[in-house]
């Protein structure tokens, strides 16, 4: 099986589904330097691969792992964790040479929503613009209402 991922920001940010140890070589091949995993521990366990085994594969490939565990199918949890998820992406992308793979379990809701929130914060896009931008690059379903709440939270009085 080939890793399901799409380039969201050219040469910088990819979004997709969960990583198995055998996928790490592909990430290395496309030049990924850091993986941002926003799966909860329960999500990782449900994928049938122990986190320790994935971490070992990342270490062997020289890839950095950052995490912001967020429950799946829980918009309130995503709203609460979205600032931390975005902060992890920002930190991962800080080096100008960094190439980041952002993922949740299926790459349908949480990671695309996080990528869009990153675009809101870093590029000043509206929630709708960020939603459309990510949707144009990956078949996914970011949560527009979560993005709207996130964008509103960034506005200063």
Protein backbone atom coordinates (compact mmCIF):
# COMPACT_ATOMS: atom_id res chain seq x y z
CA UNK A 1 0.00 0.00 0.00
CA UNK A 2 1.31 3.47 -0.90
CA UNK A 3 1.15 6.22 1.70
CA UNK A 4 -1.87 8.45 1.04
CA UNK A 5 -0.60 12.03 1.12
CA UNK A 6 -0.84 15.29 -0.82
CA UNK A 7 1.43 18.30 -1.06
CA UNK A 8 -0.41 21.27 0.43
CA UNK A 9 2.36 23.89 0.47
CA UNK A 10 4.87 23.22 -2.32
CA UNK A 11 8.11 21.70 -1.03
CA UNK A 12 7.08 22.36 2.59
CA UNK A 13 3.90 20.67 3.87
CA UNK A 14 2.19 17.38 3.03
CA UNK A 15 -1.03 16.08 4.62
CA UNK A 16 -2.21 12.51 4.78
CA UNK A 17 -3.11 9.41 6.71
CA UNK A 18 -1.37 7.41 9.42
CA UNK A 19 2.15 6.13 8.99
CA UNK A 20 3.25 2.54 9.28
CA UNK A 21 6.93 1.68 9.76
CA UNK A 22 7.16 0.57 6.12
CA UNK A 23 5.96 4.05 5.03
CA UNK A 24 8.87 5.86 6.65
CA UNK A 25 11.17 5.12 3.72
CA UNK A 26 8.74 6.89 1.37
CA UNK A 27 8.65 9.92 3.65
CA UNK A 28 12.45 10.01 3.63
CA UNK A 29 12.46 9.59 -0.18
CA UNK A 30 10.23 12.65 -0.70
CA UNK A 31 12.47 14.65 1.62
CA UNK A 32 10.33 14.85 4.75
CA UNK A 33 12.36 16.04 7.75
CA UNK A 34 9.64 16.17 10.41
CA UNK A 35 6.39 14.32 11.03
CA UNK A 36 3.59 16.01 12.96
CA UNK A 37 1.21 13.37 14.29
CA UNK A 38 -2.10 14.57 15.71
CA UNK A 39 -3.55 11.11 16.37
CA UNK A 40 -4.62 10.26 19.88
CA UNK A 41 -2.91 7.29 21.50
CA UNK A 42 -6.16 5.34 21.01
CA UNK A 43 -6.10 6.12 17.28
CA UNK A 44 -2.54 4.89 16.94
CA UNK A 45 -3.40 1.71 18.82
CA UNK A 46 -6.41 1.10 16.53
CA UNK A 47 -4.09 1.20 13.49
CA UNK A 48 -2.38 -1.93 14.82
CA UNK A 49 1.17 -0.61 14.96
CA UNK A 50 2.78 0.16 18.32
CA UNK A 51 3.92 3.77 18.65
CA UNK A 52 7.34 2.55 19.81
CA UNK A 53 7.81 0.71 16.51
CA UNK A 54 6.92 3.82 14.50
CA UNK A 55 9.25 5.97 16.63
CA UNK A 56 12.05 3.47 16.04
CA UNK A 57 11.49 3.70 12.27
CA UNK A 58 11.55 7.52 12.40
CA UNK A 59 14.75 7.47 14.46
CA UNK A 60 16.42 5.06 12.03
CA UNK A 61 15.49 7.36 9.12
CA UNK A 62 16.60 10.51 10.96
CA UNK A 63 13.11 12.02 11.00
CA UNK A 64 11.86 14.21 13.83
CA UNK A 65 8.48 13.35 15.36
CA UNK A 66 6.24 15.99 16.93
CA UNK A 67 2.83 15.19 18.44
CA UNK A 68 -0.33 17.01 19.40
CA UNK A 69 -2.70 14.14 20.29
CA UNK A 70 -6.30 15.00 19.41
CA UNK A 71 -9.35 12.74 19.64
CA UNK A 72 -11.00 11.77 16.36
CA UNK A 73 -14.64 12.65 15.54
CA UNK A 74 -14.65 15.23 18.35
CA UNK A 75 -14.90 18.80 17.09
CA UNK A 76 -14.69 20.21 20.61
CA UNK A 77 -11.41 18.39 21.21
CA UNK A 78 -10.10 19.68 17.89
CA UNK A 79 -11.15 23.25 18.72
CA UNK A 80 -9.40 22.96 22.09
CA UNK A 81 -6.21 21.40 20.62
CA UNK A 82 -6.00 23.34 17.35
CA UNK A 83 -3.68 26.05 18.72
CA UNK A 84 -1.25 23.32 19.87
CA UNK A 85 -1.58 21.45 16.55
CA UNK A 86 -0.79 24.64 14.62
CA UNK A 87 2.10 25.44 17.00
CA UNK A 88 3.63 22.02 16.25
CA UNK A 89 3.38 22.64 12.50
CA UNK A 90 4.89 26.12 12.92
CA UNK A 91 7.78 24.75 14.97
CA UNK A 92 8.35 21.94 12.46
CA UNK A 93 8.42 24.41 9.56
CA UNK A 94 10.62 26.96 11.31
CA UNK A 95 13.87 25.86 9.64
CA UNK A 96 13.71 27.14 6.04
CA UNK A 97 14.81 23.73 4.74
CA UNK A 98 12.18 21.74 6.68
CA UNK A 99 9.67 19.54 4.89
CA UNK A 100 6.78 18.39 7.06
CA UNK A 101 4.31 15.53 6.89
CA UNK A 102 1.19 16.31 8.95
CA UNK A 103 -1.18 13.44 9.62
CA UNK A 104 -4.05 12.04 11.60
CA UNK A 105 -5.52 8.58 11.01
CA UNK A 106 -7.21 8.96 7.62
CA UNK A 107 -6.09 12.46 6.64
CA UNK A 108 -9.71 13.49 6.14
CA UNK A 109 -10.65 15.86 8.99
CA UNK A 110 -8.09 16.67 11.69
CA UNK A 111 -4.89 17.05 9.67
CA UNK A 112 -6.53 19.00 6.80
CA UNK A 113 -8.25 21.24 9.36
CA UNK A 114 -4.88 21.80 11.05
CA UNK A 115 -3.22 22.59 7.71
CA UNK A 116 -5.96 25.10 6.91
CA UNK A 117 -5.64 26.65 10.39
CA UNK A 118 -1.90 26.98 9.81
CA UNK A 119 -2.67 28.88 6.59
CA UNK A 120 -5.07 31.17 8.46
CA UNK A 121 -2.41 31.98 11.04
CA UNK A 122 0.66 32.14 8.79
CA UNK A 123 -0.77 33.63 5.60
CA UNK A 124 -3.77 35.56 6.87
CA UNK A 125 -6.28 33.57 4.84
CA UNK A 126 -9.93 33.62 5.84
CA UNK A 127 -11.44 30.37 7.10
CA UNK A 128 -13.22 29.90 3.75
CA UNK A 129 -10.06 30.63 1.73
CA UNK A 130 -8.00 28.18 3.78
CA UNK A 131 -10.76 25.55 3.55
CA UNK A 132 -10.93 25.95 -0.24
CA UNK A 133 -7.14 25.95 -0.60
CA UNK A 134 -6.72 22.65 1.24
CA UNK A 135 -9.72 21.06 -0.48
CA UNK A 136 -8.26 21.96 -3.88
CA UNK A 137 -5.12 19.97 -3.02
CA UNK A 138 -6.52 16.95 -1.18
CA UNK A 139 -9.78 15.02 -1.24
CA UNK A 140 -10.77 15.71 2.37
CA UNK A 141 -13.31 17.30 4.69
CA UNK A 142 -11.77 19.96 6.92
CA UNK A 143 -14.20 21.33 9.48
CA UNK A 144 -15.18 24.79 8.21
CA UNK A 145 -16.97 25.73 11.44
CA UNK A 146 -13.85 24.83 13.45
CA UNK A 147 -11.76 26.97 11.11
CA UNK A 148 -14.18 29.87 11.50
CA UNK A 149 -13.93 29.63 15.29
CA UNK A 150 -10.13 29.42 15.06
CA UNK A 151 -9.94 32.47 12.78
CA UNK A 152 -12.17 34.40 15.15
CA UNK A 153 -9.97 33.47 18.11
CA UNK A 154 -6.96 35.01 16.34
CA UNK A 155 -8.58 38.43 16.01
CA UNK A 156 -7.33 40.91 18.54
CA UNK A 157 -9.69 43.44 20.13
